[in-house]
Amino acid sequence: MSQKRQFRLGAFIQATGHHVSAWRHPDAQIDAGHNFEHYKQITQTAERGLFDTVFLADSPAVWGGAPETQRRNGKIAHFEPVTLFSALSAVTMHIGFVSTASTTYEEPYTLARKFASLDHLSNGRAAWNVVTTGNENAAANFGLEHHPEHSQRYERAEEFIEVVKGLWDSWEDDAFIADRESGIYFEAEKLHTLNHKGKNFSVKGPLNVARPPQGYPVIVQAGASEPGRELAARTAEVIFTANQTLADAQEFYSDVKGRLAKYGRSPDDLKIMPGAFPVIGRTEEEAQEKYEFLQSLIHPDVAWGILKQYYRGVDLSGYSLDDLAPELPSNTNNNKSRLKLVKDLASRGLTLRELYRSLATARGHRTIIGTPESIADQLQEWFDNGAADGFNIMPPILPTGLDDFVNLVVPILQERGLFRTAYEGKTLRENLGLRRPANQHTIQVRDRQLVA
C-alpha cells in the first residue's frame, strides 16, 4: 500500500517579516536583522513545526530607491545567510537550511567550499538557492559598470552549477581511510582533479573539503522565465515559485514537471513549492482586521517607492494612488518572472493603490487570509489539484506570524494526513524524499567495470 502524498513546508523568513512595513508592527522584533537570538527562536519554531527548510533570500547589494523610500526600509541590512545558517546548525537537529548565493557575483570554487562546509556542519542539511541576481546595484560592488544581461546570467549559471557539482565530487565518499598503521590518510585514486575549462570559468580543483554528506547540497531555484524553467528542469530539486492563481500554478507545475523526462529525471525528482503569505485570525473578521492594520502601516513614500520599482522610465508624477494602474513597461534585464506577475496584477483593472497594496504583502506571491481551517483549505486545494508539492510559508510578521502557522495550521494539516508528525530522516534529502546523487567518478569506474 503506497504512502499518502504529504506537504513539504518551508519557512521563508525575512528579518521582521514579509510585509513591507512589518518592522513598524508592535509584534515585530525591531532589531531582527542582526539579532541571532531572534533567528534562533524562529528557526527552532519552524523545526518544532516539522518544517523541511528555513530559507533566506539574499542579494550582494543594497536595493536601490529614493532616499525617502530607503530610509523607511526595515530590511535593508541583515546577516549573510551561510554564516547565519552555520551558527543555526549548532542549535537545531533536523531542519534544512536554504541559503541564497549568486552565480553572477560569486565564483564556483569559493561557493562550493562554503556549501560543502555548511553541509558538514549541519550533518547533511544544506541547500543552495541558485540565483542569477536581479539587483542591478550589485554590479558596482564587483568592479563592473553594467549588470550582465538576463541571457548572459543564465548561460553563466548553467556552467557555474556544472563546475560546483564537479568540485563537490573531488573526493569519493570513502576516500579518507586515515590508517594510522600504514600512515596513509586517503587513497590517492579516490581524489579527482576537475580541470574544467569552459566559456565562463577555468577551474582546476580539487576542492579542499570532503564530499558533502548529502553528496550535493540540495539544489533550489526560484526562476520562472523560460530560461529559468529550463535550468530548473535540468538542475533543480526544489523550486520556490510565485503564483497568484490556481490556473497559473497548475500551468507552471505541469510545464516544468513535463520537461524533466528529457533530462532523464522523474517528476518526484523535483519539488515545486509556491510561496504563500498567510494572515491568520480566530475568525475571518479578525484575520481581515490584521491584514488591514498591516496595510495601514505603509508610508506614502514607501507606496510610491514600490510602484517606481516596476514603472521604471514612466513618469508617475501626474497620477494619484486612486488612478487606474497604467501598463507596465518591459525591462528585459529585470527579474522577468516577477515582472510578469506584476503585469498580470496591473492588467486586472487595479488602481495604483490596490497594486501597491498587493505588492506590499508578498511581492506577487499568493496572499491567503482567514481562519486556520480556511488557510489549510486554501493550501490543500492547490496541493490536491496539481499545483504544488508543498509551500514556502512567508510570515507577514516575525516571530508571531510563524508561531500562528505552527500552532494553529500545522495541527490541522496533520489531522488531515497531509503533513508529517515526525521527521522521516536525518538529512534534508531524506526528509524531502530526494535521492542522494552518486559521485560521477564512481559511476564512471562502475561503468568501465561493467564494459570490461
Protein backbone atom coordinates (compact mmCIF):
# COMPACT_ATOMS: atom_id res chain seq x y z
CA MET A 1 0.00 0.00 0.00
CA SER A 2 1.52 3.31 -1.09
CA GLN A 3 2.01 6.07 1.45
CA LYS A 4 -0.29 9.09 1.17
CA ARG A 5 1.34 12.07 -0.52
CA GLN A 6 2.16 14.80 2.00
CA PHE A 7 3.03 18.50 2.02
CA ARG A 8 6.55 19.86 2.06
CA LEU A 9 6.84 23.07 4.06
CA GLY A 10 9.49 25.75 4.06
CA ALA A 11 9.74 28.82 6.27
CA PHE A 12 10.75 31.78 4.10
CA ILE A 13 11.98 34.29 6.65
CA GLN A 14 12.81 37.98 6.32
CA ALA A 15 14.02 39.67 9.50
CA THR A 16 10.82 41.26 10.88
CA GLY A 17 8.52 39.53 8.37
CA HIS A 18 7.48 39.73 4.73
CA HIS A 19 5.16 42.70 4.81
CA VAL A 20 6.99 45.77 3.56
CA SER A 21 6.20 47.63 6.80
CA ALA A 22 6.36 44.67 9.18
CA TRP A 23 9.08 46.35 11.25
CA ARG A 24 6.57 49.02 12.32
CA HIS A 25 4.16 46.45 13.77
CA PRO A 26 4.19 46.30 17.60
CA ASP A 27 4.58 42.50 17.50
CA ALA A 28 7.71 42.61 15.31
CA GLN A 29 11.25 42.08 16.62
CA ILE A 30 12.53 45.55 15.81
CA ASP A 31 16.26 44.69 15.62
CA ALA A 32 15.70 41.37 13.84
CA GLY A 33 18.20 41.84 11.01
CA HIS A 34 21.21 41.37 13.27
CA ASN A 35 19.70 39.57 16.25
CA PHE A 36 20.92 35.97 16.39
CA GLU A 37 18.54 35.04 19.21
CA HIS A 38 15.63 36.13 17.00
CA TYR A 39 16.72 33.85 14.15
CA LYS A 40 17.41 31.06 16.62
CA GLN A 41 13.88 31.38 18.02
CA ILE A 42 12.08 31.35 14.66
CA THR A 43 14.24 28.53 13.27
CA GLN A 44 13.52 26.39 16.33
CA THR A 45 9.82 27.25 15.95
CA ALA A 46 9.92 26.04 12.34
CA GLU A 47 11.67 22.86 13.46
CA ARG A 48 9.06 22.34 16.19
CA GLY A 49 6.51 22.61 13.40
CA LEU A 50 8.43 19.90 11.47
CA PHE A 51 9.17 22.21 8.53
CA ASP A 52 11.55 20.86 5.91
CA THR A 53 13.50 24.08 5.47
CA VAL A 54 14.16 27.60 6.59
CA PHE A 55 15.04 29.87 3.68
CA LEU A 56 16.78 33.23 3.42
CA ALA A 57 16.73 35.27 0.23
CA ASP A 58 19.80 37.45 -0.29
CA SER A 59 21.38 39.99 -2.61
CA PRO A 60 25.02 41.13 -2.84
CA ALA A 61 23.92 44.78 -2.74
CA VAL A 62 21.54 47.16 -1.02
CA TRP A 63 18.35 47.56 -3.03
CA GLY A 64 18.04 50.98 -4.65
CA GLY A 65 15.35 53.60 -4.45
CA ALA A 66 14.88 57.22 -3.49
CA PRO A 67 16.37 58.26 -0.13
CA GLU A 68 12.88 58.83 1.32
CA THR A 69 11.99 55.24 0.48
CA GLN A 70 15.29 53.71 1.51
CA ARG A 71 15.31 55.25 4.96
CA ARG A 72 11.96 53.59 5.69
CA ASN A 73 13.16 50.11 4.65
CA GLY A 74 13.39 47.80 7.67
CA LYS A 75 15.01 45.02 5.61
CA ILE A 76 17.94 46.97 4.23
CA ALA A 77 20.65 45.30 6.36
CA HIS A 78 20.85 41.71 7.60
CA PHE A 79 23.13 38.72 8.12
CA GLU A 80 24.87 36.89 5.27
CA PRO A 81 22.93 33.58 5.02
CA VAL A 82 25.67 30.91 5.01
CA THR A 83 27.32 32.45 8.06
CA LEU A 84 23.99 32.66 9.90
CA PHE A 85 22.98 29.11 8.98
CA SER A 86 26.34 27.74 10.10
CA ALA A 87 25.58 29.12 13.56
CA LEU A 88 21.95 27.94 13.49
CA SER A 89 23.02 24.41 12.54
CA ALA A 90 24.52 24.07 16.02
CA VAL A 91 21.20 24.79 17.77
CA THR A 92 18.93 22.60 15.60
CA MET A 93 18.81 18.92 14.66
CA HIS A 94 16.51 18.35 11.68
CA ILE A 95 15.53 21.42 9.70
CA GLY A 96 17.27 22.17 6.40
CA PHE A 97 18.96 25.47 5.54
CA VAL A 98 18.34 27.05 2.12
CA SER A 99 20.91 29.76 1.53
CA THR A 100 20.84 32.06 -1.48
CA ALA A 101 24.04 32.59 -3.46
CA SER A 102 24.55 34.26 -6.82
CA THR A 103 26.07 32.61 -9.89
CA THR A 104 26.66 36.09 -11.32
CA TYR A 105 28.66 37.59 -8.45
CA GLU A 106 30.34 34.59 -6.83
CA GLU A 107 32.99 32.14 -8.03
CA PRO A 108 32.37 28.38 -8.22
CA TYR A 109 35.31 27.32 -6.05
CA THR A 110 34.54 29.56 -3.08
CA LEU A 111 30.82 28.77 -3.29
CA ALA A 112 31.48 25.02 -3.46
CA ARG A 113 33.67 25.29 -0.33
CA LYS A 114 31.08 27.27 1.63
CA PHE A 115 28.16 24.98 0.90
CA ALA A 116 30.17 21.78 1.37
CA SER A 117 31.27 23.14 4.75
CA LEU A 118 27.69 24.05 5.72
CA ASP A 119 26.55 20.56 4.76
CA HIS A 120 29.21 19.03 7.02
CA LEU A 121 28.50 21.43 9.90
CA SER A 122 24.77 20.65 9.74
CA ASN A 123 25.22 16.89 9.16
CA GLY A 124 23.59 17.00 5.76
CA ARG A 125 21.02 19.80 5.96
CA ALA A 126 22.32 22.36 3.44
CA ALA A 127 20.63 23.62 0.28
CA TRP A 128 21.75 26.18 -2.29
CA ASN A 129 19.17 28.57 -3.74
CA VAL A 130 20.67 29.32 -7.14
CA VAL A 131 20.04 32.90 -8.29
CA THR A 132 21.41 34.95 -11.16
CA THR A 133 20.70 38.21 -9.21
CA GLY A 134 18.11 40.72 -10.30
CA ASN A 135 19.55 43.62 -8.28
CA GLU A 136 21.32 45.87 -10.77
CA ASN A 137 23.12 47.70 -7.95
CA ALA A 138 25.31 44.63 -7.41
CA ALA A 139 27.46 45.30 -10.48
CA ALA A 140 29.24 48.29 -8.94
CA ASN A 141 30.20 46.22 -5.89
CA PHE A 142 32.19 43.82 -8.08
CA GLY A 143 34.05 46.20 -10.38
CA LEU A 144 31.51 46.07 -13.22
CA GLU A 145 29.99 49.07 -14.98
CA HIS A 146 26.84 47.24 -16.02
CA HIS A 147 24.72 44.39 -14.67
CA PRO A 148 25.00 41.44 -17.11
CA GLU A 149 22.05 40.81 -19.41
CA HIS A 150 19.42 38.22 -18.46
CA SER A 151 20.54 35.69 -21.09
CA GLN A 152 24.21 36.08 -20.14
CA ARG A 153 23.41 35.48 -16.48
CA TYR A 154 21.58 32.23 -17.23
CA GLU A 155 24.30 30.98 -19.56
CA ARG A 156 26.86 31.59 -16.82
CA ALA A 157 24.59 29.91 -14.25
CA GLU A 158 24.42 26.65 -16.22
CA GLU A 159 28.20 26.35 -16.38
CA PHE A 160 28.55 27.52 -12.76
CA ILE A 161 26.34 24.70 -11.45
CA GLU A 162 28.23 22.14 -13.54
CA VAL A 163 31.56 23.31 -12.08
CA VAL A 164 30.29 23.33 -8.49
CA LYS A 165 28.94 19.78 -8.75
CA GLY A 166 32.25 18.68 -10.24
CA LEU A 167 34.11 20.21 -7.31
CA TRP A 168 31.78 18.51 -4.80
CA ASP A 169 32.79 15.22 -6.46
CA SER A 170 36.53 15.88 -5.97
CA TRP A 171 36.65 13.24 -3.25
CA GLU A 172 34.89 9.89 -3.36
CA ASP A 173 32.81 9.13 -0.28
CA ASP A 174 35.27 6.60 1.13
CA ALA A 175 38.49 8.38 0.11
CA PHE A 176 39.64 9.13 3.67
CA ILE A 177 40.82 5.89 5.29
CA ALA A 178 43.04 7.52 7.98
CA ASP A 179 45.08 4.34 8.53
CA ARG A 180 47.44 5.09 11.41
CA GLU A 181 49.38 1.86 10.98
CA SER A 182 50.26 2.40 7.33
CA GLY A 183 50.41 6.16 7.59
CA ILE A 184 48.01 6.55 4.66
CA TYR A 185 45.38 9.23 5.23
CA PHE A 186 43.49 8.97 1.94
CA GLU A 187 43.51 6.76 -1.13
CA ALA A 188 45.06 8.79 -3.93
CA GLU A 189 42.97 7.13 -6.67
CA LYS A 190 39.83 8.45 -4.98
CA LEU A 191 40.85 12.10 -5.34
CA HIS A 192 39.86 13.68 -8.65
CA THR A 193 41.04 16.95 -10.21
CA LEU A 194 38.32 18.76 -12.15
CA ASN A 195 40.40 20.56 -14.82
CA HIS A 196 37.36 22.45 -16.09
CA LYS A 197 37.87 24.86 -18.99
CA GLY A 198 34.70 26.50 -20.28
CA LYS A 199 33.37 29.74 -21.72
CA ASN A 200 32.99 31.46 -18.35
CA PHE A 201 35.24 29.51 -15.97
CA SER A 202 38.61 27.82 -15.79
CA VAL A 203 38.78 25.81 -12.56
CA LYS A 204 41.41 23.17 -11.86
CA GLY A 205 40.36 21.80 -8.45
CA PRO A 206 40.23 19.63 -6.47
CA LEU A 207 38.13 21.03 -3.64
CA ASN A 208 39.82 21.09 -0.23
CA VAL A 209 36.65 19.99 1.58
CA ALA A 210 35.47 16.37 1.72
CA ARG A 211 32.42 15.35 -0.30
CA PRO A 212 29.26 16.73 1.37
CA PRO A 213 27.22 14.26 3.48
CA GLN A 214 24.32 14.64 1.03
CA GLY A 215 26.60 14.15 -1.98
CA TYR A 216 25.46 17.55 -3.16
CA PRO A 217 23.57 20.08 -1.05
CA VAL A 218 20.00 20.23 -2.35
CA ILE A 219 19.74 22.50 -5.41
CA VAL A 220 16.93 25.07 -5.18
CA GLN A 221 15.84 27.60 -7.76
CA ALA A 222 13.24 30.35 -7.98
CA GLY A 223 13.30 31.48 -11.63
CA ALA A 224 10.11 31.16 -13.71
CA SER A 225 11.19 32.74 -17.01
CA GLU A 226 11.70 30.42 -19.98
CA PRO A 227 15.46 30.07 -19.33
CA GLY A 228 14.68 29.68 -15.62
CA ARG A 229 12.21 26.86 -16.23
CA GLU A 230 14.65 25.02 -18.47
CA LEU A 231 17.52 25.41 -16.00
CA ALA A 232 15.26 24.17 -13.21
CA ALA A 233 14.18 21.11 -15.20
CA ARG A 234 17.81 20.24 -15.81
CA THR A 235 19.34 21.00 -12.42
CA ALA A 236 16.89 21.97 -9.64
CA GLU A 237 15.50 19.66 -6.97
CA VAL A 238 13.20 22.25 -5.35
CA ILE A 239 11.58 25.28 -6.97
CA PHE A 240 10.32 28.20 -4.93
CA THR A 241 7.80 29.82 -7.26
CA ALA A 242 5.34 32.71 -7.13
CA ASN A 243 1.82 32.23 -8.49
CA GLN A 244 -1.35 34.26 -7.91
CA THR A 245 -3.99 31.84 -9.16
CA LEU A 246 -4.62 28.11 -9.20
CA ALA A 247 -4.60 28.09 -13.01
CA ASP A 248 -1.21 29.83 -13.17
CA ALA A 249 0.23 27.47 -10.57
CA GLN A 250 -1.11 24.42 -12.43
CA GLU A 251 0.40 25.64 -15.71
CA PHE A 252 3.80 26.16 -14.11
CA TYR A 253 3.69 22.81 -12.28
CA SER A 254 2.68 20.86 -15.38
CA ASP A 255 5.11 22.65 -17.67
CA VAL A 256 8.23 22.23 -15.54
CA LYS A 257 7.44 18.66 -14.46
CA GLY A 258 6.82 17.84 -18.13
CA ARG A 259 10.36 18.92 -19.05
CA LEU A 260 12.09 16.51 -16.65
CA ALA A 261 11.93 13.34 -18.76
CA LYS A 262 14.24 14.68 -21.47
CA TYR A 263 16.93 15.04 -18.81
CA GLY A 264 16.40 11.50 -17.51
CA ARG A 265 14.52 12.71 -14.45
CA SER A 266 11.19 11.69 -12.91
CA PRO A 267 8.50 14.04 -11.52
CA ASP A 268 9.45 13.02 -7.97
CA ASP A 269 12.98 14.36 -8.51
CA LEU A 270 11.67 17.94 -8.29
CA LYS A 271 9.51 19.51 -5.57
CA ILE A 272 7.56 22.64 -6.52
CA MET A 273 6.73 24.92 -3.58
CA PRO A 274 4.85 28.17 -4.29
CA GLY A 275 5.11 31.00 -1.79
CA ALA A 276 2.13 31.70 0.48
CA PHE A 277 1.66 34.77 2.69
CA PRO A 278 -0.85 33.70 5.39
CA VAL A 279 -2.72 36.16 7.59
CA ILE A 280 -4.35 34.04 10.30
CA GLY A 281 -7.17 35.01 12.66
CA ARG A 282 -9.50 33.17 15.03
CA THR A 283 -12.32 34.43 12.81
CA GLU A 284 -12.42 35.69 9.22
CA GLU A 285 -13.11 39.17 10.58
CA GLU A 286 -10.06 39.08 12.86
CA ALA A 287 -7.85 37.90 10.00
CA GLN A 288 -9.06 40.74 7.78
CA GLU A 289 -8.50 43.26 10.57
CA LYS A 290 -4.91 42.01 10.96
CA TYR A 291 -4.37 42.42 7.23
CA GLU A 292 -5.82 45.94 7.14
CA PHE A 293 -3.73 47.01 10.12
CA LEU A 294 -0.57 45.88 8.35
CA GLN A 295 -1.57 47.76 5.22
CA SER A 296 -2.20 50.90 7.27
CA LEU A 297 1.47 50.93 8.29
CA ILE A 298 2.68 51.63 4.74
CA HIS A 299 4.01 55.18 4.45
CA PRO A 300 3.13 57.01 1.19
CA ASP A 301 6.84 57.30 0.31
CA VAL A 302 7.11 53.53 0.54
CA ALA A 303 3.98 53.09 -1.58
CA TRP A 304 5.40 55.22 -4.39
CA GLY A 305 8.76 53.51 -4.00
CA ILE A 306 7.15 50.11 -4.57
CA LEU A 307 5.43 51.38 -7.71
CA LYS A 308 8.51 53.12 -9.14
CA GLN A 309 10.48 49.89 -8.77
CA TYR A 310 8.35 48.42 -11.56
CA TYR A 311 7.43 51.58 -13.50
CA ARG A 312 11.00 52.39 -14.46
CA GLY A 313 11.15 55.13 -17.06
CA VAL A 314 7.49 56.05 -16.53
CA ASP A 315 6.64 59.48 -15.10
CA LEU A 316 4.09 58.84 -12.35
CA SER A 317 4.03 62.44 -11.11
CA GLY A 318 0.67 63.11 -12.78
CA TYR A 319 -1.03 60.12 -11.17
CA SER A 320 -2.82 59.78 -7.87
CA LEU A 321 -2.94 56.49 -6.00
CA ASP A 322 -6.61 56.13 -6.89
CA ASP A 323 -5.97 56.28 -10.66
CA LEU A 324 -6.02 53.06 -12.66
CA ALA A 325 -2.59 51.48 -12.91
CA PRO A 326 -1.06 52.17 -16.34
CA GLU A 327 0.53 49.42 -18.39
CA LEU A 328 3.93 48.39 -17.07
CA PRO A 329 6.99 48.80 -19.30
CA SER A 330 9.02 45.77 -20.32
CA ASN A 331 12.50 45.67 -18.83
CA THR A 332 14.39 42.70 -20.24
CA ASN A 333 17.16 42.99 -17.67
CA ASN A 334 14.79 42.86 -14.71
CA ASN A 335 13.50 39.76 -12.94
CA LYS A 336 11.30 38.53 -15.78
CA SER A 337 9.11 36.18 -13.79
CA ARG A 338 8.42 38.82 -11.12
CA LEU A 339 7.73 41.45 -13.78
CA LYS A 340 5.17 39.12 -15.39
CA LEU A 341 3.41 38.66 -12.05
CA VAL A 342 3.17 42.40 -11.53
CA LYS A 343 1.97 42.93 -15.11
CA ASP A 344 -0.75 40.36 -14.55
CA LEU A 345 -1.86 42.19 -11.41
CA ALA A 346 -1.85 45.58 -13.15
CA SER A 347 -3.88 44.20 -16.06
CA ARG A 348 -6.80 43.33 -13.75
CA GLY A 349 -8.02 46.92 -13.65
CA LEU A 350 -6.41 47.72 -10.30
CA THR A 351 -5.77 51.24 -9.11
CA LEU A 352 -2.22 52.17 -8.20
CA ARG A 353 -3.25 51.95 -4.54
CA GLU A 354 -4.61 48.42 -5.00
CA LEU A 355 -1.48 47.43 -6.91
CA TYR A 356 0.99 48.61 -4.27
CA ARG A 357 -1.12 47.01 -1.51
CA SER A 358 -0.88 43.69 -3.36
CA LEU A 359 2.88 44.04 -3.73
CA ALA A 360 3.45 45.25 -0.16
CA THR A 361 2.44 41.89 1.26
CA ALA A 362 4.14 39.13 -0.70
CA ARG A 363 5.60 40.86 -3.79
CA GLY A 364 3.50 38.82 -6.20
CA HIS A 365 3.23 35.65 -4.14
CA ARG A 366 -0.19 34.40 -3.07
CA THR A 367 -1.81 36.14 -0.08
CA ILE A 368 -4.27 34.00 1.89
CA ILE A 369 -6.38 35.47 4.68
CA GLY A 370 -8.63 33.58 7.08
CA THR A 371 -9.05 31.18 9.98
CA PRO A 372 -6.61 28.28 10.45
CA GLU A 373 -9.14 25.93 8.79
CA SER A 374 -9.55 28.30 5.86
CA ILE A 375 -5.79 28.64 5.42
CA ALA A 376 -5.43 24.84 5.44
CA ASP A 377 -8.28 24.54 2.91
CA GLN A 378 -6.68 27.05 0.54
CA LEU A 379 -3.31 25.30 0.67
CA GLN A 380 -4.87 21.87 0.24
CA GLU A 381 -6.80 23.00 -2.84
CA TRP A 382 -3.55 23.70 -4.69
CA PHE A 383 -1.85 20.58 -3.35
CA ASP A 384 -4.72 18.30 -4.41
CA ASN A 385 -5.12 19.84 -7.86
CA GLY A 386 -1.70 19.58 -9.45
CA ALA A 387 -0.36 23.00 -8.47
CA ALA A 388 2.12 22.31 -5.65
CA ASP A 389 4.14 19.70 -3.78
CA GLY A 390 4.21 21.97 -0.76
CA PHE A 391 4.55 25.62 0.16
CA ASN A 392 7.11 28.21 1.15
CA ILE A 393 5.37 29.96 4.05
CA MET A 394 6.01 33.72 4.20
CA PRO A 395 5.01 35.04 7.66
CA PRO A 396 3.75 38.64 7.49
CA ILE A 397 5.36 39.45 10.86
CA LEU A 398 8.05 37.63 12.81
CA PRO A 399 8.03 35.92 15.18
CA THR A 400 4.24 35.89 15.69
CA GLY A 401 3.26 35.04 12.10
CA LEU A 402 5.28 31.82 12.16
CA ASP A 403 4.06 30.98 15.67
CA ASP A 404 0.46 31.21 14.44
CA PHE A 405 1.08 28.93 11.48
CA VAL A 406 2.92 26.29 13.52
CA ASN A 407 0.48 26.35 16.44
CA LEU A 408 -2.78 26.67 14.50
CA VAL A 409 -2.42 25.44 10.91
CA VAL A 410 0.12 22.61 11.15
CA PRO A 411 -2.08 20.53 13.53
CA ILE A 412 -4.96 20.75 11.04
CA LEU A 413 -2.74 19.57 8.19
CA GLN A 414 -1.55 16.69 10.39
CA GLU A 415 -5.12 15.71 11.30
CA ARG A 416 -5.92 15.52 7.60
CA GLY A 417 -2.91 13.28 6.97
CA LEU A 418 -1.37 15.95 4.77
CA PHE A 419 1.74 16.63 6.85
CA ARG A 420 4.24 14.59 8.83
CA THR A 421 4.08 14.01 12.58
CA ALA A 422 7.82 13.28 12.80
CA TYR A 423 10.85 13.80 10.58
CA GLU A 424 11.45 10.82 8.28
CA GLY A 425 15.23 11.02 8.04
CA LYS A 426 18.37 12.76 9.21
CA THR A 427 19.38 14.72 6.11
CA LEU A 428 17.41 17.28 4.17
CA ARG A 429 17.37 14.97 1.15
CA GLU A 430 15.86 12.17 3.21
CA ASN A 431 13.15 14.45 4.59
CA LEU A 432 12.31 15.80 1.14
CA GLY A 433 12.27 12.33 -0.40
CA LEU A 434 15.17 13.11 -2.75
CA ARG A 435 17.84 10.66 -3.83
CA ARG A 436 21.46 11.10 -2.80
CA PRO A 437 23.45 11.67 -6.01
CA ALA A 438 26.27 9.26 -6.73
CA ASN A 439 29.77 10.61 -7.30
CA GLN A 440 30.25 10.97 -11.06
CA HIS A 441 33.72 9.42 -10.85
CA THR A 442 32.38 6.37 -9.02
CA ILE A 443 29.78 6.00 -11.77
CA GLN A 444 32.49 6.13 -14.43
CA VAL A 445 34.55 3.44 -12.67
CA ARG A 446 31.48 1.23 -12.32
CA ASP A 447 30.58 1.70 -15.99
CA ARG A 448 34.11 0.76 -17.08
CA GLN A 449 33.96 -2.37 -14.94
CA LEU A 450 30.62 -3.36 -16.49
CA VAL A 451 32.05 -2.95 -20.00
CA ALA A 452 35.14 -5.00 -19.06
